[in-house]
């Protein structure tokens, strides 16, 4: 090994006496005390400046911002906001939509009849929506349904085939 080797460990001299265990404990306790004191000591800048409560100011600013955005949305609504517009569907389109609704509800009632062996007392019992469709039981195996949408009105009797309901405007009135 060369004398310039940085990994060469010098041997202790002959007069070296290792410290006693009590001295090592005392040094460790002093170091721990210094560390604890540095952690718990308050910085001088934190003592000088008291914190300011900005809660009321932030709440007032948020309220003013919310009122401003609400006014802007009310007086000048953006294009992406849904607008209430008149229904532009034709009479035939409305009627076809009602026919589809009646066909779905009739299929539910028929499925209920096939599963339970009898017609449901109400459309809700079959899982349908009684608010949009009027359902009336006319016999042990027969029922009628009707629905209206403004100017269009469609009715269906269970004696007719279900396909006739969807086939055209003149077949199930």
N, C-alpha and C. Protein backbone atom coordinates (compact mmCIF):
# COMPACT_ATOMS: atom_id res chain seq x y z
N UNK A 1 0.83 -1.18 0.00
CA UNK A 1 0.00 0.00 0.00
C UNK A 1 0.87 1.24 0.00
N UNK A 2 0.41 2.20 -0.71
CA UNK A 2 1.18 3.44 -0.77
C UNK A 2 0.81 4.34 0.41
N UNK A 3 1.66 5.25 0.77
CA UNK A 3 1.37 6.14 1.91
C UNK A 3 0.24 7.12 1.57
N UNK A 4 -0.10 7.29 0.27
CA UNK A 4 -1.15 8.23 -0.13
C UNK A 4 -2.52 7.55 -0.17
N UNK A 5 -2.59 6.32 0.16
CA UNK A 5 -3.83 5.56 0.05
C UNK A 5 -4.88 6.13 1.02
N UNK A 6 -6.05 6.58 0.49
CA UNK A 6 -7.07 7.17 1.39
C UNK A 6 -7.79 6.13 2.23
N UNK A 7 -7.68 4.87 1.85
CA UNK A 7 -8.36 3.83 2.61
C UNK A 7 -7.47 3.20 3.69
N UNK A 8 -6.27 3.70 3.78
CA UNK A 8 -5.36 3.17 4.78
C UNK A 8 -5.77 3.72 6.14
N UNK A 9 -5.94 2.82 7.09
CA UNK A 9 -6.37 3.22 8.41
C UNK A 9 -5.14 3.41 9.30
N UNK A 10 -5.04 4.55 9.92
CA UNK A 10 -3.89 4.74 10.82
C UNK A 10 -4.11 3.94 12.10
N UNK A 11 -3.07 3.41 12.58
CA UNK A 11 -3.13 2.66 13.83
C UNK A 11 -3.06 3.64 14.99
N UNK A 12 -3.80 3.34 16.05
CA UNK A 12 -3.72 4.26 17.19
C UNK A 12 -2.31 4.22 17.81
N UNK A 13 -1.99 5.31 18.36
CA UNK A 13 -0.65 5.32 18.99
C UNK A 13 -0.66 4.52 20.27
N UNK A 14 0.48 4.36 20.83
CA UNK A 14 0.61 3.50 22.01
C UNK A 14 -0.03 4.10 23.24
N UNK A 15 -0.20 5.40 23.27
CA UNK A 15 -0.73 6.08 24.45
C UNK A 15 -2.25 6.22 24.41
N UNK A 16 -2.89 5.67 23.40
CA UNK A 16 -4.35 5.81 23.25
C UNK A 16 -5.06 5.02 24.33
N UNK A 17 -5.99 5.70 25.03
CA UNK A 17 -6.81 5.06 26.05
C UNK A 17 -8.27 5.25 25.62
N UNK A 18 -9.04 4.17 25.40
CA UNK A 18 -10.44 4.34 25.00
C UNK A 18 -11.25 5.00 26.11
N UNK A 19 -12.29 5.78 25.73
CA UNK A 19 -13.09 6.45 26.77
C UNK A 19 -13.90 5.41 27.55
N UNK A 20 -14.20 5.80 28.76
CA UNK A 20 -14.97 4.88 29.60
C UNK A 20 -16.43 4.88 29.16
N UNK A 21 -17.17 3.86 29.59
CA UNK A 21 -18.57 3.73 29.19
C UNK A 21 -19.39 4.88 29.75
N UNK A 22 -19.06 5.38 30.92
CA UNK A 22 -19.79 6.50 31.53
C UNK A 22 -19.58 7.77 30.71
N UNK A 23 -18.35 7.98 30.20
CA UNK A 23 -18.09 9.16 29.37
C UNK A 23 -18.87 9.09 28.07
N UNK A 24 -18.96 7.90 27.45
CA UNK A 24 -19.71 7.75 26.21
C UNK A 24 -21.20 8.02 26.43
N UNK A 25 -21.74 7.56 27.55
CA UNK A 25 -23.16 7.81 27.86
C UNK A 25 -23.39 9.30 28.07
N UNK A 26 -22.47 9.95 28.77
CA UNK A 26 -22.60 11.39 29.03
C UNK A 26 -22.58 12.17 27.71
N UNK A 27 -21.70 11.81 26.80
CA UNK A 27 -21.63 12.48 25.50
C UNK A 27 -22.92 12.26 24.70
N UNK A 28 -23.44 11.03 24.75
CA UNK A 28 -24.68 10.73 24.01
C UNK A 28 -25.85 11.51 24.59
N UNK A 29 -25.93 11.64 25.91
CA UNK A 29 -27.02 12.41 26.53
C UNK A 29 -26.90 13.89 26.21
N UNK A 30 -25.69 14.43 26.19
CA UNK A 30 -25.51 15.84 25.84
C UNK A 30 -25.93 16.11 24.40
N UNK A 31 -25.59 15.20 23.49
CA UNK A 31 -25.96 15.36 22.08
C UNK A 31 -27.49 15.29 21.92
N UNK A 32 -28.12 14.34 22.64
CA UNK A 32 -29.58 14.21 22.57
C UNK A 32 -30.26 15.45 23.13
N UNK A 33 -29.71 16.02 24.21
CA UNK A 33 -30.27 17.22 24.79
C UNK A 33 -30.18 18.39 23.81
N UNK A 34 -29.05 18.54 23.14
CA UNK A 34 -28.87 19.62 22.17
C UNK A 34 -29.86 19.49 21.00
N UNK A 35 -30.05 18.26 20.55
CA UNK A 35 -31.00 18.04 19.44
C UNK A 35 -32.42 18.36 19.89
N UNK A 36 -32.82 17.92 21.06
CA UNK A 36 -34.17 18.18 21.57
C UNK A 36 -34.39 19.66 21.77
N UNK A 37 -33.40 20.37 22.29
CA UNK A 37 -33.54 21.80 22.50
C UNK A 37 -33.68 22.54 21.17
N UNK A 38 -32.96 22.09 20.14
CA UNK A 38 -33.06 22.76 18.84
C UNK A 38 -34.42 22.51 18.17
N UNK A 39 -35.01 21.35 18.46
CA UNK A 39 -36.32 21.06 17.87
C UNK A 39 -37.42 21.84 18.56
N UNK A 40 -37.38 21.93 19.89
CA UNK A 40 -38.46 22.58 20.63
C UNK A 40 -38.31 24.08 20.70
N UNK A 41 -37.18 24.62 20.37
CA UNK A 41 -37.00 26.06 20.41
C UNK A 41 -37.79 26.72 19.30
N UNK A 42 -38.55 27.78 19.64
CA UNK A 42 -39.35 28.49 18.65
C UNK A 42 -38.47 29.43 17.86
N UNK A 43 -38.69 29.50 16.56
CA UNK A 43 -37.92 30.47 15.78
C UNK A 43 -38.34 31.90 16.17
N UNK A 44 -37.42 32.80 16.04
CA UNK A 44 -37.68 34.18 16.43
C UNK A 44 -38.72 34.84 15.53
N UNK A 45 -38.79 34.46 14.27
CA UNK A 45 -39.74 35.08 13.34
C UNK A 45 -41.17 34.64 13.64
N UNK A 46 -41.37 33.42 14.15
CA UNK A 46 -42.72 32.94 14.45
C UNK A 46 -43.29 33.64 15.68
N UNK A 47 -42.43 34.01 16.62
CA UNK A 47 -42.89 34.69 17.82
C UNK A 47 -43.29 36.12 17.49
N UNK A 48 -42.61 36.75 16.58
CA UNK A 48 -42.84 38.15 16.27
C UNK A 48 -44.14 38.37 15.49
N UNK A 49 -44.46 37.49 14.54
CA UNK A 49 -45.64 37.71 13.69
C UNK A 49 -46.77 36.80 14.13
N UNK A 50 -47.89 37.39 14.53
CA UNK A 50 -49.06 36.61 14.93
C UNK A 50 -49.83 36.21 13.67
N UNK A 51 -50.41 35.00 13.63
CA UNK A 51 -51.15 34.59 12.42
C UNK A 51 -52.42 35.43 12.26
N UNK A 52 -52.74 35.70 10.99
CA UNK A 52 -53.92 36.50 10.68
C UNK A 52 -55.05 35.59 10.21
N UNK A 53 -56.25 35.76 10.73
CA UNK A 53 -57.40 34.95 10.34
C UNK A 53 -57.99 35.51 9.06
N UNK A 54 -57.83 34.76 7.97
CA UNK A 54 -58.34 35.22 6.68
C UNK A 54 -59.64 34.51 6.30
N UNK A 55 -60.23 33.74 7.21
CA UNK A 55 -61.45 32.99 6.92
C UNK A 55 -62.60 33.86 6.47
N UNK A 56 -62.98 34.91 7.20
CA UNK A 56 -64.10 35.75 6.77
C UNK A 56 -63.85 36.43 5.43
N UNK A 57 -62.62 36.85 5.19
CA UNK A 57 -62.29 37.50 3.92
C UNK A 57 -62.43 36.51 2.76
N UNK A 58 -61.96 35.28 2.94
CA UNK A 58 -62.09 34.26 1.89
C UNK A 58 -63.54 33.90 1.64
N UNK A 59 -64.35 33.79 2.71
CA UNK A 59 -65.77 33.48 2.52
C UNK A 59 -66.48 34.58 1.76
N UNK A 60 -66.18 35.83 2.06
CA UNK A 60 -66.80 36.96 1.35
C UNK A 60 -66.38 36.98 -0.12
N UNK A 61 -65.12 36.72 -0.38
CA UNK A 61 -64.65 36.70 -1.77
C UNK A 61 -65.30 35.55 -2.54
N UNK A 62 -65.42 34.36 -1.93
CA UNK A 62 -66.07 33.23 -2.60
C UNK A 62 -67.54 33.51 -2.85
N UNK A 63 -68.23 34.14 -1.90
CA UNK A 63 -69.64 34.46 -2.10
C UNK A 63 -69.81 35.46 -3.24
N UNK A 64 -68.95 36.48 -3.30
CA UNK A 64 -69.04 37.46 -4.37
C UNK A 64 -68.76 36.81 -5.73
N UNK A 65 -67.79 35.91 -5.76
CA UNK A 65 -67.47 35.20 -7.01
C UNK A 65 -68.64 34.33 -7.45
N UNK A 66 -69.27 33.62 -6.52
CA UNK A 66 -70.41 32.76 -6.85
C UNK A 66 -71.59 33.58 -7.37
N UNK A 67 -71.87 34.71 -6.75
CA UNK A 67 -72.97 35.57 -7.21
C UNK A 67 -72.66 36.13 -8.59
N UNK A 68 -71.42 36.49 -8.83
CA UNK A 68 -71.04 37.00 -10.15
C UNK A 68 -71.19 35.96 -11.24
N UNK A 69 -70.76 34.73 -10.97
CA UNK A 69 -70.88 33.66 -11.97
C UNK A 69 -72.34 33.31 -12.20
N UNK A 70 -73.16 33.28 -11.14
CA UNK A 70 -74.58 32.98 -11.30
C UNK A 70 -75.27 34.06 -12.14
N UNK A 71 -74.93 35.33 -11.92
CA UNK A 71 -75.52 36.40 -12.72
C UNK A 71 -75.10 36.29 -14.18
N UNK A 72 -73.84 35.98 -14.41
CA UNK A 72 -73.36 35.83 -15.79
C UNK A 72 -74.09 34.68 -16.48
N UNK A 73 -74.25 33.54 -15.78
CA UNK A 73 -74.93 32.39 -16.37
C UNK A 73 -76.41 32.69 -16.64
N UNK A 74 -77.02 33.55 -15.81
CA UNK A 74 -78.44 33.87 -16.00
C UNK A 74 -78.65 34.84 -17.16
N UNK A 75 -77.84 35.90 -17.23
CA UNK A 75 -78.05 36.93 -18.24
C UNK A 75 -77.39 36.63 -19.58
N UNK A 76 -76.30 35.88 -19.59
CA UNK A 76 -75.62 35.55 -20.83
C UNK A 76 -75.19 34.08 -20.78
N UNK A 77 -76.14 33.15 -20.90
CA UNK A 77 -75.77 31.73 -20.77
C UNK A 77 -74.85 31.28 -21.89
N UNK A 78 -73.86 30.47 -21.57
CA UNK A 78 -72.95 29.98 -22.61
C UNK A 78 -73.64 28.93 -23.48
N UNK A 79 -73.04 28.65 -24.62
CA UNK A 79 -73.65 27.74 -25.59
C UNK A 79 -73.70 26.30 -25.07
N UNK A 80 -72.76 25.90 -24.19
CA UNK A 80 -72.74 24.52 -23.70
C UNK A 80 -73.80 24.25 -22.64
N UNK A 81 -74.43 25.29 -22.11
CA UNK A 81 -75.47 25.11 -21.11
C UNK A 81 -76.77 24.73 -21.80
N UNK A 82 -77.46 23.68 -21.35
CA UNK A 82 -78.70 23.28 -22.01
C UNK A 82 -79.76 24.38 -21.93
N UNK A 83 -80.38 24.65 -23.05
CA UNK A 83 -81.41 25.68 -23.13
C UNK A 83 -82.77 25.01 -23.29
N UNK A 84 -83.79 25.59 -22.70
CA UNK A 84 -85.13 25.06 -22.90
C UNK A 84 -85.64 25.59 -24.23
N UNK A 85 -85.93 24.66 -25.12
CA UNK A 85 -86.40 25.01 -26.45
C UNK A 85 -87.69 24.27 -26.72
N UNK A 86 -88.51 24.79 -27.62
CA UNK A 86 -89.74 24.08 -27.94
C UNK A 86 -89.45 22.74 -28.60
N UNK A 87 -90.35 21.79 -28.39
CA UNK A 87 -90.20 20.46 -28.97
C UNK A 87 -90.42 20.55 -30.47
N UNK A 88 -89.40 20.19 -31.23
CA UNK A 88 -89.47 20.31 -32.69
C UNK A 88 -89.79 19.00 -33.38
N UNK A 89 -90.18 17.99 -32.60
CA UNK A 89 -90.52 16.71 -33.22
C UNK A 89 -91.86 16.82 -33.94
N UNK A 90 -91.98 16.11 -35.04
CA UNK A 90 -93.24 16.11 -35.77
C UNK A 90 -94.24 15.21 -35.06
N UNK A 91 -95.48 15.30 -35.50
CA UNK A 91 -96.55 14.48 -34.92
C UNK A 91 -96.23 12.99 -35.10
N UNK A 92 -95.71 12.61 -36.26
CA UNK A 92 -95.37 11.21 -36.52
C UNK A 92 -94.23 10.73 -35.62
N UNK A 93 -93.24 11.59 -35.37
CA UNK A 93 -92.14 11.21 -34.49
C UNK A 93 -92.62 11.03 -33.05
N UNK A 94 -93.51 11.91 -32.60
CA UNK A 94 -94.08 11.76 -31.25
C UNK A 94 -94.86 10.46 -31.14
N UNK A 95 -95.67 10.20 -32.17
CA UNK A 95 -96.50 9.00 -32.16
C UNK A 95 -95.64 7.74 -32.18
N UNK A 96 -94.58 7.73 -32.96
CA UNK A 96 -93.70 6.57 -33.02
C UNK A 96 -93.00 6.34 -31.68
N UNK A 97 -92.62 7.40 -31.01
CA UNK A 97 -92.03 7.28 -29.68
C UNK A 97 -93.00 6.67 -28.69
N UNK A 98 -94.26 7.09 -28.75
CA UNK A 98 -95.28 6.51 -27.86
C UNK A 98 -95.51 5.04 -28.19
N UNK A 99 -95.48 4.70 -29.47
CA UNK A 99 -95.66 3.30 -29.87
C UNK A 99 -94.53 2.43 -29.28
N UNK A 100 -93.33 2.94 -29.30
CA UNK A 100 -92.20 2.21 -28.74
C UNK A 100 -92.36 2.01 -27.23
N UNK A 101 -92.80 3.06 -26.54
CA UNK A 101 -93.02 2.96 -25.09
C UNK A 101 -94.10 1.93 -24.79
N UNK A 102 -95.21 1.99 -25.54
CA UNK A 102 -96.29 1.03 -25.32
C UNK A 102 -95.83 -0.40 -25.62
N UNK A 103 -95.02 -0.59 -26.65
CA UNK A 103 -94.53 -1.92 -26.99
C UNK A 103 -93.65 -2.47 -25.86
N UNK A 104 -92.80 -1.64 -25.27
CA UNK A 104 -91.96 -2.10 -24.16
C UNK A 104 -92.81 -2.45 -22.95
N UNK A 105 -93.79 -1.63 -22.64
CA UNK A 105 -94.63 -1.90 -21.48
C UNK A 105 -95.50 -3.13 -21.71
N UNK A 106 -96.01 -3.31 -22.93
CA UNK A 106 -96.81 -4.50 -23.24
C UNK A 106 -95.95 -5.76 -23.14
N UNK A 107 -94.71 -5.67 -23.56
CA UNK A 107 -93.81 -6.82 -23.43
C UNK A 107 -93.57 -7.16 -21.96
N UNK A 108 -93.47 -6.15 -21.09
CA UNK A 108 -93.30 -6.40 -19.67
C UNK A 108 -94.52 -7.10 -19.08
N UNK A 109 -95.70 -6.60 -19.46
CA UNK A 109 -96.93 -7.19 -18.94
C UNK A 109 -97.07 -8.63 -19.43
N UNK A 110 -96.74 -8.88 -20.68
CA UNK A 110 -96.81 -10.23 -21.23
C UNK A 110 -95.81 -11.15 -20.54
N UNK A 111 -94.62 -10.67 -20.29
CA UNK A 111 -93.62 -11.48 -19.59
C UNK A 111 -94.08 -11.79 -18.16
N UNK A 112 -94.71 -10.82 -17.51
CA UNK A 112 -95.23 -11.04 -16.17
C UNK A 112 -96.33 -12.11 -16.20
N UNK A 113 -97.22 -12.00 -17.21
CA UNK A 113 -98.32 -12.97 -17.35
C UNK A 113 -97.76 -14.37 -17.58
N UNK A 114 -96.73 -14.48 -18.41
CA UNK A 114 -96.14 -15.79 -18.68
C UNK A 114 -95.45 -16.37 -17.44
N UNK A 115 -94.85 -15.52 -16.61
CA UNK A 115 -94.14 -15.99 -15.43
C UNK A 115 -95.09 -16.30 -14.27
N UNK A 116 -96.08 -15.47 -14.07
CA UNK A 116 -96.96 -15.59 -12.91
C UNK A 116 -98.27 -16.31 -13.20
N UNK A 117 -98.66 -16.40 -14.47
CA UNK A 117 -99.91 -17.06 -14.82
C UNK A 117 -101.12 -16.16 -14.78
N UNK A 118 -100.94 -14.89 -14.47
CA UNK A 118 -102.05 -13.94 -14.45
C UNK A 118 -101.51 -12.55 -14.78
N UNK A 119 -102.38 -11.65 -15.18
CA UNK A 119 -101.98 -10.28 -15.49
C UNK A 119 -101.70 -9.53 -14.20
N UNK A 120 -100.77 -8.58 -14.23
CA UNK A 120 -100.52 -7.78 -13.03
C UNK A 120 -101.70 -6.84 -12.78
N UNK A 121 -101.96 -6.53 -11.52
CA UNK A 121 -103.05 -5.62 -11.19
C UNK A 121 -102.71 -4.19 -11.62
N UNK A 122 -101.45 -3.83 -11.50
CA UNK A 122 -101.01 -2.50 -11.93
C UNK A 122 -99.77 -2.64 -12.80
N UNK A 123 -99.48 -1.60 -13.54
CA UNK A 123 -98.30 -1.61 -14.40
C UNK A 123 -97.02 -1.61 -13.56
N UNK A 124 -97.06 -0.99 -12.40
CA UNK A 124 -95.89 -0.96 -11.52
C UNK A 124 -95.55 -2.36 -11.01
N UNK A 125 -96.54 -3.20 -10.85
CA UNK A 125 -96.29 -4.57 -10.39
C UNK A 125 -95.49 -5.35 -11.43
N UNK A 126 -95.65 -5.00 -12.70
CA UNK A 126 -94.89 -5.66 -13.76
C UNK A 126 -93.53 -5.00 -13.98
N UNK A 127 -93.27 -3.89 -13.29
CA UNK A 127 -91.99 -3.19 -13.43
C UNK A 127 -92.05 -2.03 -14.39
N UNK A 128 -93.24 -1.62 -14.78
CA UNK A 128 -93.39 -0.50 -15.71
C UNK A 128 -93.55 0.82 -14.99
N UNK A 129 -93.72 1.87 -15.78
CA UNK A 129 -93.87 3.23 -15.25
C UNK A 129 -95.33 3.65 -15.39
N UNK A 130 -96.11 3.63 -14.30
CA UNK A 130 -97.52 3.98 -14.41
C UNK A 130 -97.78 5.46 -14.62
N UNK A 131 -96.76 6.31 -14.52
CA UNK A 131 -96.97 7.74 -14.73
C UNK A 131 -97.13 8.09 -16.20
N UNK A 132 -96.51 7.32 -17.09
CA UNK A 132 -96.53 7.68 -18.51
C UNK A 132 -97.51 6.85 -19.32
N UNK A 133 -97.95 5.70 -18.79
CA UNK A 133 -98.81 4.80 -19.55
C UNK A 133 -100.03 4.46 -18.70
N UNK A 134 -101.20 4.51 -19.31
CA UNK A 134 -102.44 4.10 -18.63
C UNK A 134 -102.66 2.63 -18.96
N UNK A 135 -102.81 1.81 -17.92
CA UNK A 135 -102.95 0.36 -18.06
C UNK A 135 -104.27 -0.06 -17.43
N UNK A 136 -105.10 -0.78 -18.21
CA UNK A 136 -106.40 -1.23 -17.71
C UNK A 136 -106.56 -2.71 -18.05
N UNK A 137 -106.90 -3.52 -17.06
CA UNK A 137 -107.17 -4.94 -17.28
C UNK A 137 -108.62 -5.05 -17.72
N UNK A 138 -108.87 -5.66 -18.90
CA UNK A 138 -110.23 -5.77 -19.43
C UNK A 138 -110.79 -7.18 -19.30
N UNK A 139 -110.00 -8.14 -18.96
CA UNK A 139 -110.45 -9.51 -18.79
C UNK A 139 -109.35 -10.33 -18.16
N UNK A 140 -109.57 -11.63 -17.98
CA UNK A 140 -108.54 -12.44 -17.33
C UNK A 140 -107.25 -12.53 -18.14
N UNK A 141 -107.31 -12.40 -19.44
CA UNK A 141 -106.12 -12.50 -20.29
C UNK A 141 -105.92 -11.27 -21.18
N UNK A 142 -106.74 -10.23 -21.02
CA UNK A 142 -106.70 -9.09 -21.93
C UNK A 142 -106.52 -7.78 -21.14
N UNK A 143 -105.84 -6.85 -21.79
CA UNK A 143 -105.60 -5.54 -21.20
C UNK A 143 -105.51 -4.50 -22.31
N UNK A 144 -105.65 -3.25 -21.95
CA UNK A 144 -105.44 -2.14 -22.88
C UNK A 144 -104.43 -1.18 -22.26
N UNK A 145 -103.71 -0.51 -23.14
CA UNK A 145 -102.74 0.50 -22.71
C UNK A 145 -102.92 1.71 -23.59
N UNK A 146 -102.69 2.89 -23.00
CA UNK A 146 -102.73 4.11 -23.79
C UNK A 146 -101.72 5.09 -23.21
N UNK A 147 -101.24 5.96 -24.09
CA UNK A 147 -100.28 7.00 -23.69
C UNK A 147 -100.49 8.20 -24.59
N UNK A 148 -100.20 9.37 -24.06
CA UNK A 148 -100.31 10.59 -24.87
C UNK A 148 -99.11 11.49 -24.60
N UNK A 149 -98.78 12.27 -25.62
CA UNK A 149 -97.64 13.18 -25.55
C UNK A 149 -98.03 14.46 -26.27
N UNK A 150 -98.69 15.35 -25.58
CA UNK A 150 -99.12 16.59 -26.22
C UNK A 150 -100.21 16.32 -27.24
N UNK A 151 -99.87 16.39 -28.51
CA UNK A 151 -100.86 16.21 -29.57
C UNK A 151 -101.01 14.76 -30.00
N UNK A 152 -100.03 13.92 -29.74
CA UNK A 152 -100.08 12.52 -30.18
C UNK A 152 -100.69 11.65 -29.09
N UNK A 153 -101.51 10.68 -29.53
CA UNK A 153 -102.13 9.73 -28.60
C UNK A 153 -102.14 8.36 -29.27
N UNK A 154 -101.71 7.33 -28.51
CA UNK A 154 -101.64 5.97 -29.04
C UNK A 154 -102.26 5.04 -28.01
N UNK A 155 -103.01 4.05 -28.50
CA UNK A 155 -103.55 3.04 -27.60
C UNK A 155 -103.28 1.65 -28.19
N UNK A 156 -103.30 0.64 -27.30
CA UNK A 156 -103.01 -0.73 -27.71
C UNK A 156 -103.90 -1.67 -26.94
N UNK A 157 -104.46 -2.64 -27.64
CA UNK A 157 -105.25 -3.69 -27.00
C UNK A 157 -104.48 -5.00 -27.15
N UNK A 158 -104.50 -5.81 -26.11
CA UNK A 158 -103.71 -7.04 -26.12
C UNK A 158 -104.24 -8.07 -27.11
N UNK A 159 -105.42 -7.86 -27.67
CA UNK A 159 -105.94 -8.79 -28.68
C UNK A 159 -105.21 -8.61 -30.00
N UNK A 160 -104.57 -7.46 -30.21
CA UNK A 160 -103.81 -7.21 -31.43
C UNK A 160 -102.40 -7.80 -31.28
N UNK A 161 -101.79 -8.20 -32.38
CA UNK A 161 -100.40 -8.64 -32.28
C UNK A 161 -99.49 -7.45 -31.93
N UNK A 162 -98.45 -7.72 -31.17
CA UNK A 162 -97.55 -6.66 -30.73
C UNK A 162 -96.83 -6.00 -31.91
N UNK A 163 -96.57 -6.75 -32.97
CA UNK A 163 -95.91 -6.19 -34.15
C UNK A 163 -96.75 -5.13 -34.83
N UNK A 164 -98.08 -5.21 -34.73
CA UNK A 164 -98.94 -4.21 -35.37
C UNK A 164 -98.80 -2.86 -34.68
N UNK A 165 -98.42 -2.87 -33.41
CA UNK A 165 -98.23 -1.61 -32.70
C UNK A 165 -97.07 -0.83 -33.29
N UNK A 166 -96.02 -1.50 -33.66
CA UNK A 166 -94.83 -0.82 -34.20
C UNK A 166 -94.85 -0.63 -35.70
N UNK A 167 -95.78 -1.27 -36.40
CA UNK A 167 -95.72 -1.28 -37.87
C UNK A 167 -96.07 0.06 -38.51
N UNK A 168 -97.01 0.79 -37.98
CA UNK A 168 -97.34 2.04 -38.67
C UNK A 168 -98.33 2.87 -37.90
N UNK A 169 -98.56 4.10 -38.39
CA UNK A 169 -99.40 5.02 -37.65
C UNK A 169 -100.89 4.66 -37.66
N UNK A 170 -101.39 3.99 -38.67
CA UNK A 170 -102.81 3.74 -38.75
C UNK A 170 -103.24 2.42 -38.15
N UNK A 171 -102.34 1.60 -37.66
CA UNK A 171 -102.71 0.23 -37.29
C UNK A 171 -103.16 0.07 -35.85
N UNK A 172 -102.77 0.96 -34.94
CA UNK A 172 -103.11 0.71 -33.53
C UNK A 172 -103.73 1.93 -32.88
N UNK A 173 -104.56 2.68 -33.56
CA UNK A 173 -105.18 3.86 -32.96
C UNK A 173 -106.37 3.52 -32.16
